[in-house]
PDB file of N, CA and C in Angstrom:
ATOM      1  N   UNK A   1     -35.120 -25.058 -94.000  1.00  0.00           N
ATOM      2  CA  UNK A   1     -34.997 -23.767 -93.187  1.00  0.00           C
ATOM      3  C   UNK A   1     -34.001 -23.263 -93.843  1.00  0.00           C
ATOM      4  N   UNK A   2     -34.169 -21.692 -94.012  1.00  0.00           N
ATOM      5  CA  UNK A   2     -33.036 -21.015 -94.476  1.00  0.00           C
ATOM      6  C   UNK A   2     -32.281 -20.186 -93.475  1.00  0.00           C
ATOM      7  N   UNK A   3     -31.038 -19.368 -93.495  1.00  0.00           N
ATOM      8  CA  UNK A   3     -30.347 -18.531 -92.607  1.00  0.00           C
ATOM      9  C   UNK A   3     -31.220 -17.248 -92.212  1.00  0.00           C
ATOM     10  N   UNK A   4     -31.631 -16.803 -93.662  1.00  0.00           N
ATOM     11  CA  UNK A   4     -32.767 -15.755 -93.403  1.00  0.00           C
ATOM     12  C   UNK A   4     -33.736 -15.774 -92.880  1.00  0.00           C
ATOM     13  N   UNK A   5     -34.415 -17.282 -92.571  1.00  0.00           N
ATOM     14  CA  UNK A   5     -35.249 -17.422 -91.562  1.00  0.00           C
ATOM     15  C   UNK A   5     -35.111 -17.638 -90.043  1.00  0.00           C
ATOM     16  N   UNK A   6     -33.466 -17.069 -89.237  1.00  0.00           N
ATOM     17  CA  UNK A   6     -33.550 -18.383 -88.036  1.00  0.00           C
ATOM     18  C   UNK A   6     -33.279 -16.482 -87.517  1.00  0.00           C
ATOM     19  N   UNK A   7     -33.952 -17.430 -85.642  1.00  0.00           N
ATOM     20  CA  UNK A   7     -34.428 -16.130 -84.169  1.00  0.00           C
ATOM     21  C   UNK A   7     -33.600 -16.224 -83.798  1.00  0.00           C
ATOM     22  N   UNK A   8     -33.642 -15.887 -82.503  1.00  0.00           N
ATOM     23  CA  UNK A   8     -33.228 -16.134 -81.211  1.00  0.00           C
ATOM     24  C   UNK A   8     -34.341 -17.456 -81.161  1.00  0.00           C
ATOM     25  N   UNK A   9     -33.536 -18.603 -79.958  1.00  0.00           N
ATOM     26  CA  UNK A   9     -33.611 -19.626 -78.951  1.00  0.00           C
ATOM     27  C   UNK A   9     -34.476 -20.014 -80.155  1.00  0.00           C
ATOM     28  N   UNK A  10     -34.386 -20.568 -81.024  1.00  0.00           N
ATOM     29  CA  UNK A  10     -34.621 -21.482 -82.078  1.00  0.00           C
ATOM     30  C   UNK A  10     -33.842 -22.749 -81.390  1.00  0.00           C
ATOM     31  N   UNK A  11     -34.235 -23.818 -81.836  1.00  0.00           N
ATOM     32  CA  UNK A  11     -33.456 -25.202 -81.806  1.00  0.00           C
ATOM     33  C   UNK A  11     -33.778 -26.459 -82.598  1.00  0.00           C
ATOM     34  N   UNK A  12     -32.766 -27.266 -82.292  1.00  0.00           N
ATOM     35  CA  UNK A  12     -33.328 -28.046 -83.422  1.00  0.00           C
ATOM     36  C   UNK A  12     -33.795 -28.152 -84.971  1.00  0.00           C
ATOM     37  N   UNK A  13     -32.109 -27.385 -85.514  1.00  0.00           N
ATOM     38  CA  UNK A  13     -32.499 -26.398 -86.251  1.00  0.00           C
ATOM     39  C   UNK A  13     -31.150 -26.933 -87.944  1.00  0.00           C
ATOM     40  N   UNK A  14     -31.816 -27.209 -88.723  1.00  0.00           N
ATOM     41  CA  UNK A  14     -30.985 -28.480 -89.864  1.00  0.00           C
ATOM     42  C   UNK A  14     -31.054 -27.192 -90.944  1.00  0.00           C
ATOM     43  N   UNK A  15     -29.827 -26.987 -91.464  1.00  0.00           N
ATOM     44  CA  UNK A  15     -29.734 -26.078 -92.537  1.00  0.00           C
ATOM     45  C   UNK A  15     -29.004 -26.622 -93.601  1.00  0.00           C
ATOM     46  N   UNK A  16     -28.671 -26.310 -94.932  1.00  0.00           N
ATOM     47  CA  UNK A  16     -27.848 -26.566 -96.037  1.00  0.00           C
ATOM     48  C   UNK A  16     -26.777 -25.186 -96.019  1.00  0.00           C
ATOM     49  N   UNK A  17     -25.167 -25.264 -95.501  1.00  0.00           N
ATOM     50  CA  UNK A  17     -24.660 -24.328 -95.807  1.00  0.00           C
ATOM     51  C   UNK A  17     -23.046 -24.399 -96.801  1.00  0.00           C
ATOM     52  N   UNK A  18     -22.571 -23.678 -96.983  1.00  0.00           N
ATOM     53  CA  UNK A  18     -21.139 -23.500 -97.451  1.00  0.00           C
ATOM     54  C   UNK A  18     -20.226 -23.156 -96.279  1.00  0.00           C
ATOM     55  N   UNK A  19     -19.007 -22.830 -96.202  1.00  0.00           N
ATOM     56  CA  UNK A  19     -18.329 -22.535 -95.156  1.00  0.00           C
ATOM     57  C   UNK A  19     -17.826 -21.804 -95.772  1.00  0.00           C
ATOM     58  N   UNK A  20     -17.549 -20.338 -95.461  1.00  0.00           N
ATOM     59  CA  UNK A  20     -17.460 -19.244 -96.481  1.00  0.00           C
ATOM     60  C   UNK A  20     -16.159 -18.338 -94.868  1.00  0.00           C
ATOM     61  N   UNK A  21     -15.699 -18.648 -93.949  1.00  0.00           N
ATOM     62  CA  UNK A  21     -14.071 -18.466 -93.131  1.00  0.00           C
ATOM     63  C   UNK A  21     -14.465 -19.301 -92.329  1.00  0.00           C
ATOM     64  N   UNK A  22     -13.096 -20.108 -92.050  1.00  0.00           N
ATOM     65  CA  UNK A  22     -12.992 -20.238 -90.332  1.00  0.00           C
ATOM     66  C   UNK A  22     -12.207 -19.208 -89.767  1.00  0.00           C
ATOM     67  N   UNK A  23     -12.019 -18.796 -88.475  1.00  0.00           N
ATOM     68  CA  UNK A  23     -11.915 -17.809 -87.144  1.00  0.00           C
ATOM     69  C   UNK A  23     -10.383 -18.662 -86.241  1.00  0.00           C
ATOM     70  N   UNK A  24      -9.555 -18.347 -86.203  1.00  0.00           N
ATOM     71  CA  UNK A  24      -8.850 -18.481 -85.665  1.00  0.00           C
ATOM     72  C   UNK A  24      -9.396 -19.851 -83.857  1.00  0.00           C
ATOM     73  N   UNK A  25      -8.419 -20.470 -83.684  1.00  0.00           N
ATOM     74  CA  UNK A  25      -9.017 -21.689 -82.453  1.00  0.00           C
ATOM     75  C   UNK A  25      -8.565 -21.154 -81.485  1.00  0.00           C
ATOM     76  N   UNK A  26      -9.204 -21.367 -80.646  1.00  0.00           N
ATOM     77  CA  UNK A  26      -9.313 -20.195 -79.387  1.00  0.00           C
ATOM     78  C   UNK A  26      -9.460 -21.191 -78.254  1.00  0.00           C
ATOM     79  N   UNK A  27      -9.136 -21.266 -77.015  1.00  0.00           N
ATOM     80  CA  UNK A  27      -9.751 -21.928 -75.913  1.00  0.00           C
ATOM     81  C   UNK A  27     -10.710 -21.644 -74.750  1.00  0.00           C
ATOM     82  N   UNK A  28     -11.903 -22.426 -74.223  1.00  0.00           N
ATOM     83  CA  UNK A  28     -12.993 -21.817 -72.921  1.00  0.00           C
ATOM     84  C   UNK A  28     -12.561 -22.239 -72.145  1.00  0.00           C
ATOM     85  N   UNK A  29     -13.239 -21.999 -70.736  1.00  0.00           N
ATOM     86  CA  UNK A  29     -13.755 -22.951 -70.489  1.00  0.00           C
ATOM     87  C   UNK A  29     -15.752 -23.410 -70.135  1.00  0.00           C
ATOM     88  N   UNK A  30     -16.072 -24.636 -70.468  1.00  0.00           N
ATOM     89  CA  UNK A  30     -17.473 -24.665 -70.450  1.00  0.00           C
ATOM     90  C   UNK A  30     -17.951 -24.200 -68.778  1.00  0.00           C
ATOM     91  N   UNK A  31     -19.568 -23.739 -69.127  1.00  0.00           N
ATOM     92  CA  UNK A  31     -19.440 -23.594 -68.492  1.00  0.00           C
ATOM     93  C   UNK A  31     -20.704 -24.526 -67.072  1.00  0.00           C
ATOM     94  N   UNK A  32     -20.925 -25.722 -68.954  1.00  0.00           N
ATOM     95  CA  UNK A  32     -21.253 -26.512 -68.376  1.00  0.00           C
ATOM     96  C   UNK A  32     -20.318 -28.018 -67.680  1.00  0.00           C
ATOM     97  N   UNK A  33     -19.233 -27.847 -67.640  1.00  0.00           N
ATOM     98  CA  UNK A  33     -18.384 -29.234 -67.294  1.00  0.00           C
ATOM     99  C   UNK A  33     -16.755 -29.007 -66.484  1.00  0.00           C
ATOM    100  N   UNK A  34     -17.257 -27.679 -66.722  1.00  0.00           N
ATOM    101  CA  UNK A  34     -15.560 -26.561 -66.098  1.00  0.00           C
ATOM    102  C   UNK A  34     -14.560 -27.143 -67.069  1.00  0.00           C
ATOM    103  N   UNK A  35     -14.422 -27.682 -67.750  1.00  0.00           N
ATOM    104  CA  UNK A  35     -13.051 -28.499 -68.875  1.00  0.00           C
ATOM    105  C   UNK A  35     -13.075 -27.719 -69.488  1.00  0.00           C
ATOM    106  N   UNK A  36     -11.591 -27.302 -70.293  1.00  0.00           N
ATOM    107  CA  UNK A  36     -10.488 -25.973 -71.725  1.00  0.00           C
ATOM    108  C   UNK A  36     -11.145 -27.103 -72.396  1.00  0.00           C
ATOM    109  N   UNK A  37     -12.157 -26.036 -73.542  1.00  0.00           N
ATOM    110  CA  UNK A  37     -12.325 -26.646 -74.981  1.00  0.00           C
ATOM    111  C   UNK A  37     -11.854 -25.967 -76.029  1.00  0.00           C
ATOM    112  N   UNK A  38     -11.807 -26.656 -77.011  1.00  0.00           N
ATOM    113  CA  UNK A  38     -11.483 -25.425 -78.387  1.00  0.00           C
ATOM    114  C   UNK A  38     -12.552 -25.063 -79.376  1.00  0.00           C
ATOM    115  N   UNK A  39     -12.298 -23.907 -79.589  1.00  0.00           N
ATOM    116  CA  UNK A  39     -13.627 -23.537 -80.052  1.00  0.00           C
ATOM    117  C   UNK A  39     -13.467 -23.232 -81.205  1.00  0.00           C
ATOM    118  N   UNK A  40     -14.116 -22.862 -82.157  1.00  0.00           N
ATOM    119  CA  UNK A  40     -14.186 -21.606 -83.610  1.00  0.00           C
ATOM    120  C   UNK A  40     -14.746 -20.972 -84.006  1.00  0.00           C
ATOM    121  N   UNK A  41     -15.194 -19.431 -84.609  1.00  0.00           N
ATOM    122  CA  UNK A  41     -16.426 -19.099 -85.018  1.00  0.00           C
ATOM    123  C   UNK A  41     -15.949 -18.979 -86.428  1.00  0.00           C
ATOM    124  N   UNK A  42     -17.357 -20.248 -86.867  1.00  0.00           N
ATOM    125  CA  UNK A  42     -17.205 -20.824 -88.632  1.00  0.00           C
ATOM    126  C   UNK A  42     -18.317 -19.452 -88.505  1.00  0.00           C
ATOM    127  N   UNK A  43     -18.398 -18.517 -90.616  1.00  0.00           N
ATOM    128  CA  UNK A  43     -19.293 -17.928 -90.914  1.00  0.00           C
ATOM    129  C   UNK A  43     -19.971 -19.282 -92.223  1.00  0.00           C
ATOM    130  N   UNK A  44     -21.085 -19.084 -91.931  1.00  0.00           N
ATOM    131  CA  UNK A  44     -21.278 -20.077 -92.521  1.00  0.00           C
ATOM    132  C   UNK A  44     -22.666 -19.148 -93.339  1.00  0.00           C
ATOM    133  N   UNK A  45     -23.510 -20.050 -94.560  1.00  0.00           N
ATOM    134  CA  UNK A  45     -24.444 -19.150 -95.523  1.00  0.00           C
ATOM    135  C   UNK A  45     -24.784 -20.072 -95.943  1.00  0.00           C
ATOM    136  N   UNK A  46     -26.096 -19.731 -96.558  1.00  0.00           N
ATOM    137  CA  UNK A  46     -26.764 -19.714 -98.063  1.00  0.00           C
ATOM    138  C   UNK A  46     -27.001 -18.555 -98.864  1.00  0.00           C
ATOM    139  N   UNK A  47     -27.369 -19.248 -99.394  1.00  0.00           N
ATOM    140  CA  UNK A  47     -27.967 -18.120-101.094  1.00  0.00           C
ATOM    141  C   UNK A  47     -29.432 -16.780-100.027  1.00  0.00           C
ATOM    142  N   UNK A  48     -29.765 -16.526 -99.271  1.00  0.00           N
ATOM    143  CA  UNK A  48     -30.556 -16.276 -98.147  1.00  0.00           C
ATOM    144  C   UNK A  48     -29.873 -15.374 -97.437  1.00  0.00           C
ATOM    145  N   UNK A  49     -28.081 -15.577 -97.010  1.00  0.00           N
ATOM    146  CA  UNK A  49     -27.452 -15.135 -95.844  1.00  0.00           C
ATOM    147  C   UNK A  49     -26.410 -15.779 -95.056  1.00  0.00           C
ATOM    148  N   UNK A  50     -25.795 -15.294 -94.152  1.00  0.00           N
ATOM    149  CA  UNK A  50     -24.694 -15.542 -93.581  1.00  0.00           C
ATOM    150  C   UNK A  50     -24.734 -15.328 -91.830  1.00  0.00           C
ATOM    151  N   UNK A  51     -24.072 -16.722 -91.673  1.00  0.00           N
ATOM    152  CA  UNK A  51     -24.292 -15.945 -89.468  1.00  0.00           C
ATOM    153  C   UNK A  51     -22.919 -17.206 -89.420  1.00  0.00           C
ATOM    154  N   UNK A  52     -22.402 -16.763 -88.222  1.00  0.00           N
ATOM    155  CA  UNK A  52     -21.505 -17.277 -87.315  1.00  0.00           C
ATOM    156  C   UNK A  52     -22.500 -18.429 -86.589  1.00  0.00           C
ATOM    157  N   UNK A  53     -21.161 -19.588 -86.625  1.00  0.00           N
ATOM    158  CA  UNK A  53     -21.649 -20.646 -85.640  1.00  0.00           C
ATOM    159  C   UNK A  53     -20.494 -21.308 -84.952  1.00  0.00           C
ATOM    160  N   UNK A  54     -21.070 -21.561 -83.558  1.00  0.00           N
ATOM    161  CA  UNK A  54     -19.051 -21.818 -83.080  1.00  0.00           C
ATOM    162  C   UNK A  54     -19.519 -23.306 -83.536  1.00  0.00           C
ATOM    163  N   UNK A  55     -18.620 -23.527 -83.617  1.00  0.00           N
ATOM    164  CA  UNK A  55     -17.899 -25.736 -83.756  1.00  0.00           C
ATOM    165  C   UNK A  55     -17.032 -25.591 -82.212  1.00  0.00           C
ATOM    166  N   UNK A  56     -17.028 -26.571 -81.787  1.00  0.00           N
ATOM    167  CA  UNK A  56     -16.272 -26.638 -81.029  1.00  0.00           C
ATOM    168  C   UNK A  56     -15.908 -28.210 -81.028  1.00  0.00           C
ATOM    169  N   UNK A  57     -14.317 -28.630 -80.267  1.00  0.00           N
ATOM    170  CA  UNK A  57     -13.410 -29.613 -80.485  1.00  0.00           C
ATOM    171  C   UNK A  57     -13.582 -30.578 -81.500  1.00  0.00           C
ATOM    172  N   UNK A  58     -13.588 -31.641 -81.379  1.00  0.00           N
ATOM    173  CA  UNK A  58     -13.590 -32.841 -82.597  1.00  0.00           C
ATOM    174  C   UNK A  58     -14.206 -31.996 -84.259  1.00  0.00           C
ATOM    175  N   UNK A  59     -15.722 -31.116 -83.747  1.00  0.00           N
ATOM    176  CA  UNK A  59     -16.289 -31.327 -84.923  1.00  0.00           C
ATOM    177  C   UNK A  59     -15.328 -29.970 -85.413  1.00  0.00           C
ATOM    178  N   UNK A  60     -13.965 -29.229 -84.702  1.00  0.00           N
ATOM    179  CA  UNK A  60     -13.173 -28.213 -86.109  1.00  0.00           C
ATOM    180  C   UNK A  60     -12.918 -29.108 -87.111  1.00  0.00           C
ATOM    181  N   UNK A  61     -12.465 -30.511 -86.866  1.00  0.00           N
ATOM    182  CA  UNK A  61     -11.652 -31.197 -88.054  1.00  0.00           C
ATOM    183  C   UNK A  61     -12.461 -31.524 -88.924  1.00  0.00           C
ATOM    184  N   UNK A  62     -13.034 -31.161 -88.788  1.00  0.00           N
ATOM    185  CA  UNK A  62     -14.466 -31.808 -90.159  1.00  0.00           C
ATOM    186  C   UNK A  62     -14.673 -31.228 -90.999  1.00  0.00           C
ATOM    187  N   UNK A  63     -14.555 -29.496 -90.963  1.00  0.00           N
ATOM    188  CA  UNK A  63     -14.662 -28.765 -91.831  1.00  0.00           C
ATOM    189  C   UNK A  63     -13.794 -28.096 -92.426  1.00  0.00           C
ATOM    190  N   UNK A  64     -14.169 -27.694 -93.811  1.00  0.00           N
ATOM    191  CA  UNK A  64     -13.642 -27.278 -94.425  1.00  0.00           C
ATOM    192  C   UNK A  64     -13.457 -26.434 -94.760  1.00  0.00           C
ATOM    193  N   UNK A  65     -12.463 -25.222 -95.650  1.00  0.00           N
ATOM    194  CA  UNK A  65     -13.170 -23.641 -95.737  1.00  0.00           C
ATOM    195  C   UNK A  65     -14.096 -23.921 -97.515  1.00  0.00           C
ATOM    196  N   UNK A  66     -15.200 -23.984 -97.986  1.00  0.00           N
ATOM    197  CA  UNK A  66     -15.034 -23.702 -99.146  1.00  0.00           C
ATOM    198  C   UNK A  66     -16.057 -24.871 -99.689  1.00  0.00           C
ATOM    199  N   UNK A  67     -16.322 -25.834 -98.966  1.00  0.00           N
ATOM    200  CA  UNK A  67     -17.522 -26.894 -98.918  1.00  0.00           C
ATOM    201  C   UNK A  67     -18.996 -26.502 -98.172  1.00  0.00           C
ATOM    202  N   UNK A  68     -19.564 -27.944 -98.720  1.00  0.00           N
ATOM    203  CA  UNK A  68     -20.604 -27.532 -97.848  1.00  0.00           C
ATOM    204  C   UNK A  68     -20.947 -28.663 -97.236  1.00  0.00           C
ATOM    205  N   UNK A  69     -22.530 -28.314 -96.555  1.00  0.00           N
ATOM    206  CA  UNK A  69     -22.995 -29.382 -95.018  1.00  0.00           C
ATOM    207  C   UNK A  69     -23.670 -29.445 -95.135  1.00  0.00           C
ATOM    208  N   UNK A  70     -24.590 -29.614 -94.387  1.00  0.00           N
ATOM    209  CA  UNK A  70     -25.714 -30.446 -93.995  1.00  0.00           C
ATOM    210  C   UNK A  70     -25.660 -29.939 -92.884  1.00  0.00           C
ATOM    211  N   UNK A  71     -26.064 -28.691 -91.298  1.00  0.00           N
ATOM    212  CA  UNK A  71     -26.334 -29.264 -90.072  1.00  0.00           C
ATOM    213  C   UNK A  71     -27.370 -29.212 -89.397  1.00  0.00           C
ATOM    214  N   UNK A  72     -26.859 -29.971 -88.674  1.00  0.00           N
ATOM    215  CA  UNK A  72     -28.327 -30.988 -87.761  1.00  0.00           C
ATOM    216  C   UNK A  72     -28.504 -30.608 -86.495  1.00  0.00           C
ATOM    217  N   UNK A  73     -29.279 -29.910 -85.592  1.00  0.00           N
ATOM    218  CA  UNK A  73     -29.723 -30.509 -84.566  1.00  0.00           C
ATOM    219  C   UNK A  73     -28.573 -28.808 -83.700  1.00  0.00           C
ATOM    220  N   UNK A  74     -28.184 -27.921 -84.784  1.00  0.00           N
ATOM    221  CA  UNK A  74     -28.078 -26.658 -84.160  1.00  0.00           C
ATOM    222  C   UNK A  74     -29.269 -25.541 -83.165  1.00  0.00           C
ATOM    223  N   UNK A  75     -27.952 -24.878 -82.486  1.00  0.00           N
ATOM    224  CA  UNK A  75     -29.475 -24.020 -82.628  1.00  0.00           C
ATOM    225  C   UNK A  75     -29.121 -22.308 -82.119  1.00  0.00           C
ATOM    226  N   UNK A  76     -29.747 -21.475 -82.393  1.00  0.00           N
ATOM    227  CA  UNK A  76     -29.138 -20.308 -82.253  1.00  0.00           C
ATOM    228  C   UNK A  76     -28.961 -20.131 -80.503  1.00  0.00           C
ATOM    229  N   UNK A  77     -28.241 -18.209 -80.678  1.00  0.00           N
ATOM    230  CA  UNK A  77     -28.294 -17.952 -79.465  1.00  0.00           C
ATOM    231  C   UNK A  77     -27.765 -16.456 -79.976  1.00  0.00           C
ATOM    232  N   UNK A  78     -27.797 -15.484 -78.784  1.00  0.00           N
ATOM    233  CA  UNK A  78     -27.545 -14.049 -78.705  1.00  0.00           C
ATOM    234  C   UNK A  78     -25.926 -14.246 -78.339  1.00  0.00           C
ATOM    235  N   UNK A  79     -25.559 -13.885 -78.321  1.00  0.00           N
ATOM    236  CA  UNK A  79     -24.291 -13.132 -78.270  1.00  0.00           C
ATOM    237  C   UNK A  79     -23.872 -11.650 -78.444  1.00  0.00           C
ATOM    238  N   UNK A  80     -23.957 -11.021 -77.103  1.00  0.00           N
ATOM    239  CA  UNK A  80     -23.248  -9.392 -77.686  1.00  0.00           C
ATOM    240  C   UNK A  80     -24.270  -8.579 -78.640  1.00  0.00           C
ATOM    241  N   UNK A  81     -25.708  -8.633 -77.865  1.00  0.00           N
ATOM    242  CA  UNK A  81     -26.825  -8.545 -79.342  1.00  0.00           C
ATOM    243  C   UNK A  81     -27.122  -8.382 -80.682  1.00  0.00           C
ATOM    244  N   UNK A  82     -26.751 -10.009 -80.458  1.00  0.00           N
ATOM    245  CA  UNK A  82     -26.234  -9.961 -81.783  1.00  0.00           C
ATOM    246  C   UNK A  82     -26.655 -11.815 -82.612  1.00  0.00           C
ATOM    247  N   UNK A  83     -27.108 -12.713 -83.348  1.00  0.00           N
ATOM    248  CA  UNK A  83     -27.248 -13.692 -83.430  1.00  0.00           C
ATOM    249  C   UNK A  83     -26.629 -14.744 -83.811  1.00  0.00           C
ATOM    250  N   UNK A  84     -26.085 -15.360 -82.974  1.00  0.00           N
ATOM    251  CA  UNK A  84     -24.965 -16.753 -83.680  1.00  0.00           C
ATOM    252  C   UNK A  84     -26.040 -18.331 -83.488  1.00  0.00           C
ATOM    253  N   UNK A  85     -24.770 -19.024 -84.016  1.00  0.00           N
ATOM    254  CA  UNK A  85     -25.932 -20.171 -84.089  1.00  0.00           C
ATOM    255  C   UNK A  85     -24.145 -21.254 -83.284  1.00  0.00           C
ATOM    256  N   UNK A  86     -24.761 -22.177 -82.875  1.00  0.00           N
ATOM    257  CA  UNK A  86     -23.971 -23.387 -81.639  1.00  0.00           C
ATOM    258  C   UNK A  86     -24.431 -24.996 -82.503  1.00  0.00           C
ATOM    259  N   UNK A  87     -23.094 -25.126 -83.025  1.00  0.00           N
ATOM    260  CA  UNK A  87     -24.386 -27.019 -82.826  1.00  0.00           C
ATOM    261  C   UNK A  87     -24.056 -27.672 -81.628  1.00  0.00           C
ATOM    262  N   UNK A  88     -23.329 -27.310 -80.343  1.00  0.00           N
ATOM    263  CA  UNK A  88     -22.653 -27.601 -79.355  1.00  0.00           C
ATOM    264  C   UNK A  88     -23.208 -29.565 -79.112  1.00  0.00           C
ATOM    265  N   UNK A  89     -22.700 -29.969 -78.448  1.00  0.00           N
ATOM    266  CA  UNK A  89     -22.663 -31.622 -78.292  1.00  0.00           C
ATOM    267  C   UNK A  89     -23.327 -31.923 -79.220  1.00  0.00           C
ATOM    268  N   UNK A  90     -24.403 -31.914 -79.158  1.00  0.00           N
ATOM    269  CA  UNK A  90     -25.981 -32.951 -79.934  1.00  0.00           C
ATOM    270  C   UNK A  90     -26.170 -32.412 -81.418  1.00  0.00           C
ATOM    271  N   UNK A  91     -25.032 -31.375 -81.642  1.00  0.00           N
ATOM    272  CA  UNK A  91     -25.716 -30.584 -83.137  1.00  0.00           C
ATOM    273  C   UNK A  91     -24.192 -32.104 -83.881  1.00  0.00           C
ATOM    274  N   UNK A  92     -25.098 -31.885 -85.599  1.00  0.00           N
ATOM    275  CA  UNK A  92     -23.947 -33.310 -86.238  1.00  0.00           C
ATOM    276  C   UNK A  92     -23.593 -31.465 -87.518  1.00  0.00           C
ATOM    277  N   UNK A  93     -22.245 -32.735 -88.274  1.00  0.00           N
ATOM    278  CA  UNK A  93     -22.329 -32.293 -89.063  1.00  0.00           C
ATOM    279  C   UNK A  93     -21.555 -32.542 -89.740  1.00  0.00           C
ATOM    280  N   UNK A  94     -22.310 -32.642 -91.975  1.00  0.00           N
ATOM    281  CA  UNK A  94     -21.625 -33.758 -92.598  1.00  0.00           C
ATOM    282  C   UNK A  94     -21.872 -33.271 -93.873  1.00  0.00           C
ATOM    283  N   UNK A  95     -20.474 -33.159 -94.544  1.00  0.00           N
ATOM    284  CA  UNK A  95     -20.416 -33.049 -96.382  1.00  0.00           C
ATOM    285  C   UNK A  95     -21.534 -32.937 -96.391  1.00  0.00           C
ATOM    286  N   UNK A  96     -21.826 -32.683 -97.960  1.00  0.00           N
ATOM    287  CA  UNK A  96     -22.488 -33.037 -98.770  1.00  0.00           C
ATOM    288  C   UNK A  96     -22.590 -32.577-100.287  1.00  0.00           C
ATOM    289  N   UNK A  97     -23.423 -32.752-101.453  1.00  0.00           N
ATOM    290  CA  UNK A  97     -22.641 -32.203-102.557  1.00  0.00           C
ATOM    291  C   UNK A  97     -23.839 -31.455-102.934  1.00  0.00           C
ATOM    292  N   UNK A  98     -23.117 -29.781-103.397  1.00  0.00           N
ATOM    293  CA  UNK A  98     -23.888 -28.909-103.193  1.00  0.00           C
ATOM    294  C   UNK A  98     -23.815 -28.195-104.442  1.00  0.00           C
ATOM    295  N   UNK A  99     -24.106 -26.318-105.403  1.00  0.00           N
ATOM    296  CA  UNK A  99     -23.683 -25.726-105.683  1.00  0.00           C
ATOM    297  C   UNK A  99     -24.278 -24.545-105.390  1.00  0.00           C
ATOM    298  N   UNK A 100     -24.073 -23.577-104.054  1.00  0.00           N
ATOM    299  CA  UNK A 100     -24.529 -22.375-104.252  1.00  0.00           C
ATOM    300  C   UNK A 100     -23.748 -22.005-103.745  1.00  0.00           C
ATOM    301  N   UNK A 101     -23.908 -20.390-103.756  1.00  0.00           N
ATOM    302  CA  UNK A 101     -22.892 -19.931-103.239  1.00  0.00           C
ATOM    303  C   UNK A 101     -23.253 -18.468-101.760  1.00  0.00           C
ATOM    304  N   UNK A 102     -23.056 -18.213-101.223  1.00  0.00           N
ATOM    305  CA  UNK A 102     -23.485 -17.381-100.020  1.00  0.00           C
ATOM    306  C   UNK A 102     -23.433 -16.050-100.170  1.00  0.00           C
ATOM    307  N   UNK A 103     -24.645 -15.558 -99.743  1.00  0.00           N
ATOM    308  CA  UNK A 103     -25.281 -14.606 -99.268  1.00  0.00           C
ATOM    309  C   UNK A 103     -24.163 -13.805 -98.600  1.00  0.00           C
ATOM    310  N   UNK A 104     -23.198 -12.797 -98.499  1.00  0.00           N
ATOM    311  CA  UNK A 104     -22.534 -12.429 -98.011  1.00  0.00           C
ATOM    312  C   UNK A 104     -23.074 -11.312 -97.311  1.00  0.00           C
ATOM    313  N   UNK A 105     -24.099 -10.525 -98.207  1.00  0.00           N
ATOM    314  CA  UNK A 105     -24.466  -9.352 -97.792  1.00  0.00           C
ATOM    315  C   UNK A 105     -25.763  -8.918 -96.759  1.00  0.00           C
ATOM    316  N   UNK A 106     -25.684  -9.872 -95.841  1.00  0.00           N
ATOM    317  CA  UNK A 106     -26.560 -10.519 -95.517  1.00  0.00           C
ATOM    318  C   UNK A 106     -26.133 -11.107 -94.266  1.00  0.00           C
ATOM    319  N   UNK A 107     -25.587 -10.513 -93.884  1.00  0.00           N
ATOM    320  CA  UNK A 107     -24.730 -11.230 -92.621  1.00  0.00           C
ATOM    321  C   UNK A 107     -25.800 -10.915 -90.883  1.00  0.00           C
ATOM    322  N   UNK A 108     -26.598 -12.012 -90.825  1.00  0.00           N
ATOM    323  CA  UNK A 108     -27.520 -11.852 -89.938  1.00  0.00           C
ATOM    324  C   UNK A 108     -27.226 -12.075 -88.220  1.00  0.00           C
ATOM    325  N   UNK A 109     -25.483 -12.477 -88.124  1.00  0.00           N
ATOM    326  CA  UNK A 109     -25.022 -11.753 -87.098  1.00  0.00           C
ATOM    327  C   UNK A 109     -24.551 -10.850 -87.193  1.00  0.00           C
ATOM    328  N   UNK A 110     -24.907  -9.703 -87.643  1.00  0.00           N
ATOM    329  CA  UNK A 110     -23.771  -8.489 -87.974  1.00  0.00           C
ATOM    330  C   UNK A 110     -25.311  -7.530 -87.406  1.00  0.00           C
ATOM    331  N   UNK A 111     -26.828  -7.929 -87.815  1.00  0.00           N
ATOM    332  CA  UNK A 111     -27.775  -7.272 -87.109  1.00  0.00           C
ATOM    333  C   UNK A 111     -27.900  -7.149 -85.760  1.00  0.00           C
ATOM    334  N   UNK A 112     -27.875  -5.922 -85.139  1.00  0.00           N
ATOM    335  CA  UNK A 112     -28.219  -6.060 -83.761  1.00  0.00           C
ATOM    336  C   UNK A 112     -29.920  -6.413 -82.999  1.00  0.00           C
ATOM    337  N   UNK A 113     -30.030  -7.435 -82.313  1.00  0.00           N
ATOM    338  CA  UNK A 113     -31.480  -7.674 -82.133  1.00  0.00           C
ATOM    339  C   UNK A 113     -32.657  -6.435 -81.840  1.00  0.00           C
TER     340      UNK A 113
END
């Protein structure tokens, strides 16, 4: 699958991506368990486009700007009428060897749904 093919409410997404930017960490209270969690919005993408990915807790420490990863079991959601992705507690991120650049001119998170 490629970033340009993402649509709202998709599940079990697997993507090869590159990390473009990691936003500042923030703390949120989860609706599901009422606990405080750390979350960072990460701009990721492939040669077809880019999207914001919410990364939670210990997964934040697994990623670095400029590296390539395989994301598994991610899902899409909408936030303020924009498409975003999340790893959630069942998602996985694994560093891979790859050599592609991100198409930042097609940011699917900036397009209103």
